[in-house]
């Protein structure tokens, strides 16, 4: 899925058409936030968040990678770091646990709701080159292929 925030992409803003930061609109530890991280009137108040939420509940993915900007790193998930560690090596970004509560974040909701799976964030830098896009896409394809291997999938299960 290229983006859950087409209105924000079109407007060049973090928020959707209602000014809501969709990555602060998920139910886990949601709280009201103002400013650039306005979290909406309540958890899943936005149609884009509800659509992503329903998709994740239906598909129950083993691994989800959320691409954000602008830190140039891979956020180490609280749970199993196997996939995040592999992506960080393939892309060449450091693996760092971003501190902070990040209320209402999609990846933290997913990791809380599906503790047997892993969701994490790749933070692209502010300026993204064509080479980085190519490298990131290749990293995702490589990880998917590796996870299809029973031996590598076992590593995902054990961390």
N, C-alpha and C. Protein backbone atom coordinates (compact mmCIF):
# COMPACT_ATOMS: atom_id res chain seq x y z
N UNK A 1 0.85 -1.16 0.00
CA UNK A 1 0.00 0.00 0.00
C UNK A 1 0.91 1.23 0.00
N UNK A 2 0.83 2.08 -0.99
CA UNK A 2 1.77 3.20 -1.09
C UNK A 2 1.63 4.22 0.05
N UNK A 3 0.41 4.52 0.48
CA UNK A 3 0.22 5.47 1.58
C UNK A 3 -1.18 5.29 2.16
N UNK A 4 -1.30 5.53 3.47
CA UNK A 4 -2.64 5.58 4.03
C UNK A 4 -3.10 7.04 4.15
N UNK A 5 -2.26 7.96 3.70
CA UNK A 5 -2.57 9.38 3.83
C UNK A 5 -2.45 10.12 2.49
N UNK A 6 -3.28 9.77 1.52
CA UNK A 6 -3.16 10.44 0.21
C UNK A 6 -3.43 11.95 0.28
N UNK A 7 -4.32 12.38 1.16
CA UNK A 7 -4.59 13.82 1.27
C UNK A 7 -3.36 14.56 1.79
N UNK A 8 -2.71 13.98 2.80
CA UNK A 8 -1.50 14.60 3.34
C UNK A 8 -0.37 14.63 2.33
N UNK A 9 -0.23 13.55 1.56
CA UNK A 9 0.81 13.52 0.53
C UNK A 9 0.53 14.62 -0.51
N UNK A 10 -0.72 14.72 -0.94
CA UNK A 10 -1.09 15.74 -1.95
C UNK A 10 -0.85 17.15 -1.43
N UNK A 11 -1.11 17.36 -0.13
CA UNK A 11 -0.96 18.70 0.45
C UNK A 11 0.44 18.95 0.99
N UNK A 12 1.27 17.90 1.04
CA UNK A 12 2.62 18.05 1.59
C UNK A 12 2.60 18.27 3.09
N UNK A 13 1.63 17.65 3.78
CA UNK A 13 1.52 17.81 5.23
C UNK A 13 1.51 16.45 5.91
N UNK A 14 1.75 16.47 7.19
CA UNK A 14 1.73 15.25 8.00
C UNK A 14 0.30 14.77 8.23
N UNK A 15 -0.61 15.71 8.39
CA UNK A 15 -1.99 15.37 8.70
C UNK A 15 -2.80 15.05 7.46
N UNK A 16 -3.93 14.41 7.69
CA UNK A 16 -4.86 14.12 6.59
C UNK A 16 -5.70 15.37 6.30
N UNK A 17 -6.78 15.22 5.56
CA UNK A 17 -7.61 16.38 5.21
C UNK A 17 -8.22 17.05 6.44
N UNK A 18 -8.34 16.32 7.55
CA UNK A 18 -8.86 16.89 8.80
C UNK A 18 -7.74 17.37 9.72
N UNK A 19 -6.50 17.29 9.25
CA UNK A 19 -5.37 17.71 10.07
C UNK A 19 -4.93 16.69 11.09
N UNK A 20 -5.41 15.45 10.98
CA UNK A 20 -5.09 14.39 11.94
C UNK A 20 -3.84 13.64 11.49
N UNK A 21 -2.90 13.48 12.42
CA UNK A 21 -1.73 12.63 12.20
C UNK A 21 -2.22 11.19 12.34
N UNK A 22 -2.34 10.49 11.25
CA UNK A 22 -2.90 9.14 11.27
C UNK A 22 -2.09 8.17 12.11
N UNK A 23 -0.81 8.47 12.30
CA UNK A 23 0.03 7.61 13.14
C UNK A 23 -0.12 7.95 14.63
N UNK A 24 -1.07 8.76 14.97
CA UNK A 24 -1.44 9.02 16.37
C UNK A 24 -2.92 8.71 16.57
N UNK A 25 -3.53 8.00 15.61
CA UNK A 25 -4.98 7.78 15.61
C UNK A 25 -5.36 6.33 15.85
N UNK A 26 -4.40 5.48 16.21
CA UNK A 26 -4.69 4.07 16.48
C UNK A 26 -4.99 3.88 17.98
N UNK A 27 -5.69 2.80 18.34
CA UNK A 27 -6.22 2.69 19.70
C UNK A 27 -5.24 2.45 20.83
N UNK A 28 -4.08 1.86 20.57
CA UNK A 28 -3.18 1.53 21.68
C UNK A 28 -2.58 2.81 22.27
N UNK A 29 -2.89 3.04 23.54
CA UNK A 29 -2.40 4.20 24.28
C UNK A 29 -2.76 5.54 23.63
N UNK A 30 -3.86 5.55 22.89
CA UNK A 30 -4.30 6.80 22.28
C UNK A 30 -4.57 7.83 23.37
N UNK A 31 -4.25 9.07 23.07
CA UNK A 31 -4.61 10.19 23.94
C UNK A 31 -4.73 11.43 23.07
N UNK A 32 -5.46 12.42 23.55
CA UNK A 32 -5.60 13.64 22.74
C UNK A 32 -4.26 14.38 22.64
N UNK A 33 -3.87 14.68 21.42
CA UNK A 33 -2.66 15.46 21.15
C UNK A 33 -3.03 16.61 20.23
N UNK A 34 -2.37 17.73 20.39
CA UNK A 34 -2.60 18.89 19.53
C UNK A 34 -1.37 19.16 18.68
N UNK A 35 -1.46 20.18 17.87
CA UNK A 35 -0.33 20.61 17.06
C UNK A 35 -0.09 19.69 15.88
N UNK A 36 1.19 19.52 15.53
CA UNK A 36 1.57 18.73 14.36
C UNK A 36 1.28 17.25 14.49
N UNK A 37 1.05 16.79 15.71
CA UNK A 37 0.71 15.38 15.93
C UNK A 37 -0.73 15.25 16.43
N UNK A 38 -1.62 16.14 15.96
CA UNK A 38 -3.02 16.10 16.36
C UNK A 38 -3.57 14.70 16.15
N UNK A 39 -4.10 14.10 17.23
CA UNK A 39 -4.48 12.68 17.20
C UNK A 39 -5.95 12.45 16.86
N UNK A 40 -6.70 13.49 16.57
CA UNK A 40 -8.10 13.32 16.21
C UNK A 40 -9.00 13.39 17.43
N UNK A 41 -10.29 13.21 17.19
CA UNK A 41 -11.28 13.31 18.25
C UNK A 41 -11.38 12.05 19.09
N UNK A 42 -10.76 10.98 18.63
CA UNK A 42 -10.76 9.72 19.35
C UNK A 42 -10.01 8.69 18.54
N UNK A 43 -9.70 7.54 19.14
CA UNK A 43 -9.00 6.50 18.37
C UNK A 43 -9.83 6.07 17.17
N UNK A 44 -9.17 5.92 16.06
CA UNK A 44 -9.79 5.50 14.79
C UNK A 44 -10.90 6.45 14.35
N UNK A 45 -10.74 7.73 14.65
CA UNK A 45 -11.73 8.71 14.22
C UNK A 45 -11.67 8.98 12.72
N UNK A 46 -10.59 8.57 12.07
CA UNK A 46 -10.39 8.90 10.66
C UNK A 46 -10.63 7.68 9.77
N UNK A 47 -11.23 7.90 8.60
CA UNK A 47 -11.52 6.77 7.71
C UNK A 47 -10.26 6.03 7.26
N UNK A 48 -9.16 6.74 7.08
CA UNK A 48 -7.91 6.09 6.65
C UNK A 48 -7.39 5.15 7.74
N UNK A 49 -7.44 5.61 8.98
CA UNK A 49 -6.99 4.76 10.10
C UNK A 49 -7.88 3.54 10.23
N UNK A 50 -9.19 3.74 10.11
CA UNK A 50 -10.11 2.60 10.21
C UNK A 50 -9.86 1.59 9.10
N UNK A 51 -9.58 2.08 7.90
CA UNK A 51 -9.32 1.17 6.77
C UNK A 51 -8.05 0.36 7.03
N UNK A 52 -6.97 1.01 7.48
CA UNK A 52 -5.72 0.30 7.78
C UNK A 52 -5.94 -0.69 8.93
N UNK A 53 -6.66 -0.27 9.94
CA UNK A 53 -6.97 -1.11 11.09
C UNK A 53 -7.72 -2.38 10.65
N UNK A 54 -8.75 -2.21 9.84
CA UNK A 54 -9.53 -3.36 9.36
C UNK A 54 -8.67 -4.28 8.50
N UNK A 55 -7.83 -3.70 7.63
CA UNK A 55 -6.94 -4.50 6.79
C UNK A 55 -6.00 -5.35 7.65
N UNK A 56 -5.41 -4.74 8.64
CA UNK A 56 -4.47 -5.46 9.52
C UNK A 56 -5.19 -6.55 10.30
N UNK A 57 -6.38 -6.25 10.83
CA UNK A 57 -7.15 -7.27 11.55
C UNK A 57 -7.52 -8.44 10.65
N UNK A 58 -7.86 -8.12 9.40
CA UNK A 58 -8.25 -9.18 8.46
C UNK A 58 -7.06 -10.03 8.03
N UNK A 59 -5.95 -9.39 7.69
CA UNK A 59 -4.79 -10.10 7.13
C UNK A 59 -3.88 -10.71 8.19
N UNK A 60 -3.84 -10.12 9.38
CA UNK A 60 -2.97 -10.59 10.45
C UNK A 60 -1.54 -10.85 9.94
N UNK A 61 -0.89 -9.82 9.43
CA UNK A 61 0.45 -10.03 8.85
C UNK A 61 1.48 -10.46 9.89
N UNK A 62 2.40 -11.30 9.45
CA UNK A 62 3.51 -11.71 10.33
C UNK A 62 4.50 -10.56 10.53
N UNK A 63 4.71 -9.79 9.47
CA UNK A 63 5.63 -8.65 9.50
C UNK A 63 4.98 -7.48 8.78
N UNK A 64 5.04 -6.32 9.40
CA UNK A 64 4.57 -5.09 8.75
C UNK A 64 5.68 -4.06 8.87
N UNK A 65 5.98 -3.41 7.75
CA UNK A 65 6.98 -2.34 7.74
C UNK A 65 6.26 -1.04 7.39
N UNK A 66 6.32 -0.09 8.29
CA UNK A 66 5.75 1.24 8.07
C UNK A 66 6.90 2.17 7.69
N UNK A 67 6.77 2.87 6.59
CA UNK A 67 7.80 3.83 6.17
C UNK A 67 7.35 5.23 6.54
N UNK A 68 8.21 5.92 7.29
CA UNK A 68 7.96 7.30 7.73
C UNK A 68 9.18 8.14 7.36
N UNK A 69 9.15 9.39 7.74
CA UNK A 69 10.29 10.29 7.59
C UNK A 69 10.36 11.16 8.84
N UNK A 70 11.48 11.73 9.21
CA UNK A 70 12.69 12.04 8.48
C UNK A 70 13.98 11.62 9.18
N UNK A 71 13.99 10.57 10.00
CA UNK A 71 15.15 10.32 10.87
C UNK A 71 16.27 9.47 10.30
N UNK A 72 16.05 8.74 9.23
CA UNK A 72 17.12 7.92 8.64
C UNK A 72 17.57 6.79 9.54
N UNK A 73 16.61 6.00 10.04
CA UNK A 73 16.93 4.88 10.93
C UNK A 73 15.81 3.85 10.87
N UNK A 74 16.04 2.72 11.51
CA UNK A 74 15.00 1.72 11.69
C UNK A 74 14.68 1.67 13.17
N UNK A 75 13.42 1.87 13.53
CA UNK A 75 12.99 1.84 14.92
C UNK A 75 12.87 0.39 15.38
N UNK A 76 13.68 0.03 16.36
CA UNK A 76 13.69 -1.35 16.86
C UNK A 76 12.40 -1.60 17.62
N UNK A 77 11.63 -2.61 17.20
CA UNK A 77 10.37 -2.89 17.90
C UNK A 77 10.62 -3.45 19.29
N UNK A 78 9.63 -3.29 20.16
CA UNK A 78 9.74 -3.80 21.53
C UNK A 78 9.80 -5.33 21.54
N UNK A 79 9.17 -5.95 20.56
CA UNK A 79 9.16 -7.42 20.50
C UNK A 79 10.33 -7.95 19.70
N UNK A 80 10.06 -8.94 18.89
CA UNK A 80 11.09 -9.62 18.12
C UNK A 80 11.75 -8.68 17.10
N UNK A 81 13.07 -8.46 17.20
CA UNK A 81 13.75 -7.52 16.32
C UNK A 81 14.29 -8.13 15.02
N UNK A 82 14.06 -9.42 14.77
CA UNK A 82 14.70 -10.10 13.64
C UNK A 82 14.51 -9.36 12.32
N UNK A 83 13.27 -9.09 11.94
CA UNK A 83 13.00 -8.46 10.64
C UNK A 83 13.54 -7.04 10.59
N UNK A 84 13.38 -6.29 11.68
CA UNK A 84 13.88 -4.91 11.72
C UNK A 84 15.40 -4.89 11.61
N UNK A 85 16.06 -5.81 12.30
CA UNK A 85 17.53 -5.90 12.24
C UNK A 85 17.98 -6.20 10.81
N UNK A 86 17.28 -7.11 10.15
CA UNK A 86 17.65 -7.49 8.79
C UNK A 86 17.45 -6.32 7.83
N UNK A 87 16.32 -5.64 7.93
CA UNK A 87 16.06 -4.48 7.06
C UNK A 87 17.09 -3.39 7.31
N UNK A 88 17.44 -3.16 8.57
CA UNK A 88 18.43 -2.10 8.86
C UNK A 88 19.76 -2.41 8.19
N UNK A 89 20.15 -3.68 8.18
CA UNK A 89 21.41 -4.08 7.53
C UNK A 89 21.30 -3.93 6.01
N UNK A 90 20.17 -4.36 5.45
CA UNK A 90 20.01 -4.31 3.99
C UNK A 90 19.93 -2.88 3.46
N UNK A 91 19.27 -2.00 4.21
CA UNK A 91 19.16 -0.60 3.77
C UNK A 91 20.40 0.20 4.16
N UNK A 92 21.00 -0.18 5.28
CA UNK A 92 22.18 0.56 5.74
C UNK A 92 21.84 1.65 6.74
N UNK A 93 20.72 1.51 7.44
CA UNK A 93 20.32 2.45 8.49
C UNK A 93 20.60 1.83 9.85
N UNK A 94 20.90 2.68 10.85
CA UNK A 94 21.07 2.13 12.19
C UNK A 94 19.74 1.63 12.76
N UNK A 95 19.84 0.61 13.60
CA UNK A 95 18.68 0.07 14.32
C UNK A 95 18.67 0.73 15.69
N UNK A 96 17.65 1.53 15.96
CA UNK A 96 17.59 2.34 17.17
C UNK A 96 16.19 2.23 17.76
N UNK A 97 16.10 2.06 19.06
CA UNK A 97 14.79 2.08 19.72
C UNK A 97 14.44 3.53 20.01
N UNK A 98 13.45 4.06 19.29
CA UNK A 98 13.01 5.43 19.54
C UNK A 98 12.27 5.46 20.87
N UNK A 99 12.73 6.31 21.75
CA UNK A 99 12.11 6.42 23.08
C UNK A 99 10.90 7.34 22.99
N UNK A 100 10.04 7.18 23.90
CA UNK A 100 8.86 8.03 23.95
C UNK A 100 7.61 7.20 23.90
N UNK A 101 6.53 7.77 24.32
CA UNK A 101 5.29 7.00 24.37
C UNK A 101 4.65 6.77 23.00
N UNK A 102 4.83 7.68 22.06
CA UNK A 102 4.21 7.57 20.74
C UNK A 102 2.78 7.07 20.83
N UNK A 103 1.93 7.81 21.55
CA UNK A 103 0.54 7.37 21.72
C UNK A 103 -0.17 7.24 20.38
N UNK A 104 -0.96 6.19 20.27
CA UNK A 104 -1.77 6.00 19.07
C UNK A 104 -1.02 5.57 17.84
N UNK A 105 0.24 5.14 17.97
CA UNK A 105 1.00 4.77 16.77
C UNK A 105 0.53 3.42 16.23
N UNK A 106 0.54 3.31 14.91
CA UNK A 106 0.08 2.09 14.24
C UNK A 106 0.95 0.90 14.59
N UNK A 107 2.26 1.06 14.52
CA UNK A 107 3.15 -0.09 14.76
C UNK A 107 3.07 -0.55 16.20
N UNK A 108 2.95 0.35 17.14
CA UNK A 108 2.88 -0.07 18.55
C UNK A 108 1.53 -0.70 18.85
N UNK A 109 0.45 -0.21 18.22
CA UNK A 109 -0.84 -0.88 18.36
C UNK A 109 -0.73 -2.30 17.82
N UNK A 110 -0.14 -2.43 16.64
CA UNK A 110 -0.04 -3.75 16.00
C UNK A 110 0.77 -4.72 16.86
N UNK A 111 1.90 -4.27 17.38
CA UNK A 111 2.72 -5.15 18.22
C UNK A 111 2.01 -5.52 19.52
N UNK A 112 1.19 -4.62 20.04
CA UNK A 112 0.42 -4.92 21.25
C UNK A 112 -0.71 -5.91 20.94
N UNK A 113 -1.41 -5.67 19.83
CA UNK A 113 -2.58 -6.49 19.48
C UNK A 113 -2.18 -7.87 18.94
N UNK A 114 -1.06 -7.94 18.24
CA UNK A 114 -0.58 -9.20 17.66
C UNK A 114 0.84 -9.47 18.17
N UNK A 115 1.00 -9.87 19.42
CA UNK A 115 2.36 -10.03 19.96
C UNK A 115 3.18 -11.12 19.28
N UNK A 116 2.54 -12.02 18.55
CA UNK A 116 3.28 -13.07 17.84
C UNK A 116 3.86 -12.57 16.51
N UNK A 117 3.46 -11.39 16.08
CA UNK A 117 3.99 -10.82 14.84
C UNK A 117 4.90 -9.64 15.17
N UNK A 118 5.39 -8.97 14.16
CA UNK A 118 6.21 -7.78 14.40
C UNK A 118 5.86 -6.69 13.39
N UNK A 119 5.75 -5.50 13.91
CA UNK A 119 5.56 -4.31 13.08
C UNK A 119 6.62 -3.31 13.50
N UNK A 120 7.21 -2.65 12.53
CA UNK A 120 8.24 -1.67 12.87
C UNK A 120 8.27 -0.58 11.82
N UNK A 121 9.02 0.48 12.15
CA UNK A 121 9.07 1.67 11.31
C UNK A 121 10.47 1.83 10.73
N UNK A 122 10.52 2.04 9.42
CA UNK A 122 11.73 2.50 8.76
C UNK A 122 11.55 4.00 8.57
N UNK A 123 12.40 4.76 9.22
CA UNK A 123 12.37 6.22 9.10
C UNK A 123 13.35 6.62 7.99
N UNK A 124 12.79 7.00 6.87
CA UNK A 124 13.62 7.50 5.77
C UNK A 124 14.13 8.89 6.13
N UNK A 125 15.24 9.31 5.54
CA UNK A 125 15.71 10.68 5.79
C UNK A 125 14.79 11.70 5.11
N UNK A 126 14.98 12.95 5.43
CA UNK A 126 14.15 14.01 4.85
C UNK A 126 14.23 14.00 3.32
N UNK A 127 15.42 13.86 2.78
CA UNK A 127 15.62 13.79 1.33
C UNK A 127 15.84 12.33 0.95
N UNK A 128 15.01 11.84 0.05
CA UNK A 128 15.09 10.44 -0.36
C UNK A 128 15.55 10.37 -1.81
N UNK A 129 16.68 9.74 -2.02
CA UNK A 129 17.23 9.60 -3.37
C UNK A 129 16.61 8.41 -4.09
N UNK A 130 16.74 8.40 -5.40
CA UNK A 130 16.27 7.26 -6.19
C UNK A 130 17.02 6.00 -5.78
N UNK A 131 18.30 6.14 -5.46
CA UNK A 131 19.09 4.97 -5.04
C UNK A 131 18.55 4.39 -3.72
N UNK A 132 18.13 5.26 -2.80
CA UNK A 132 17.57 4.77 -1.54
C UNK A 132 16.23 4.08 -1.77
N UNK A 133 15.42 4.61 -2.66
CA UNK A 133 14.14 3.96 -2.98
C UNK A 133 14.41 2.56 -3.55
N UNK A 134 15.34 2.47 -4.46
CA UNK A 134 15.70 1.18 -5.06
C UNK A 134 16.23 0.22 -4.02
N UNK A 135 17.13 0.70 -3.15
CA UNK A 135 17.72 -0.13 -2.10
C UNK A 135 16.65 -0.59 -1.09
N UNK A 136 15.74 0.30 -0.73
CA UNK A 136 14.69 -0.03 0.23
C UNK A 136 13.72 -1.06 -0.35
N UNK A 137 13.34 -0.88 -1.61
CA UNK A 137 12.44 -1.85 -2.26
C UNK A 137 13.12 -3.21 -2.36
N UNK A 138 14.40 -3.22 -2.72
CA UNK A 138 15.14 -4.48 -2.79
C UNK A 138 15.24 -5.14 -1.42
N UNK A 139 15.41 -4.33 -0.38
CA UNK A 139 15.50 -4.87 0.98
C UNK A 139 14.19 -5.53 1.39
N UNK A 140 13.07 -4.91 1.07
CA UNK A 140 11.77 -5.49 1.40
C UNK A 140 11.56 -6.80 0.64
N UNK A 141 11.90 -6.80 -0.65
CA UNK A 141 11.77 -8.04 -1.44
C UNK A 141 12.68 -9.14 -0.90
N UNK A 142 13.90 -8.78 -0.54
CA UNK A 142 14.84 -9.75 0.00
C UNK A 142 14.34 -10.32 1.33
N UNK A 143 13.85 -9.45 2.21
CA UNK A 143 13.32 -9.92 3.49
C UNK A 143 12.14 -10.86 3.26
N UNK A 144 11.23 -10.49 2.38
CA UNK A 144 10.07 -11.34 2.10
C UNK A 144 10.52 -12.71 1.60
N UNK A 145 11.50 -12.74 0.70
CA UNK A 145 12.01 -13.99 0.18
C UNK A 145 12.68 -14.81 1.29
N UNK A 146 13.47 -14.15 2.11
CA UNK A 146 14.14 -14.86 3.22
C UNK A 146 13.12 -15.42 4.21
N UNK A 147 12.07 -14.66 4.50
CA UNK A 147 11.07 -15.13 5.46
C UNK A 147 10.27 -16.30 4.92
N UNK A 148 10.26 -16.47 3.61
CA UNK A 148 9.58 -17.63 3.01
C UNK A 148 10.38 -18.91 3.24
N UNK A 149 11.65 -18.79 3.59
CA UNK A 149 12.50 -19.94 3.87
C UNK A 149 12.22 -20.44 5.29
N UNK A 150 11.95 -21.73 5.45
CA UNK A 150 11.67 -22.25 6.81
C UNK A 150 12.79 -21.97 7.82
N UNK A 151 14.02 -22.04 7.40
CA UNK A 151 15.14 -21.80 8.33
C UNK A 151 15.16 -20.35 8.81
N UNK A 152 14.92 -19.41 7.89
CA UNK A 152 14.92 -18.00 8.26
C UNK A 152 13.67 -17.67 9.06
N UNK A 153 12.55 -18.24 8.66
CA UNK A 153 11.30 -18.00 9.40
C UNK A 153 11.45 -18.46 10.85
N UNK A 154 12.23 -19.50 11.08
CA UNK A 154 12.48 -19.96 12.44
C UNK A 154 13.23 -18.89 13.23
N UNK A 155 14.11 -18.17 12.56
CA UNK A 155 14.82 -17.05 13.21
C UNK A 155 13.86 -15.95 13.62
N UNK A 156 12.83 -15.72 12.82
CA UNK A 156 11.82 -14.73 13.16
C UNK A 156 11.09 -15.16 14.43
N UNK A 157 10.85 -16.46 14.55
CA UNK A 157 10.12 -16.96 15.72
C UNK A 157 10.95 -16.86 16.99
N UNK A 158 12.28 -16.90 16.85
CA UNK A 158 13.13 -16.89 18.06
C UNK A 158 13.84 -15.58 18.29
N UNK A 159 13.82 -14.67 17.32
CA UNK A 159 14.46 -13.37 17.50
C UNK A 159 15.85 -13.37 17.04
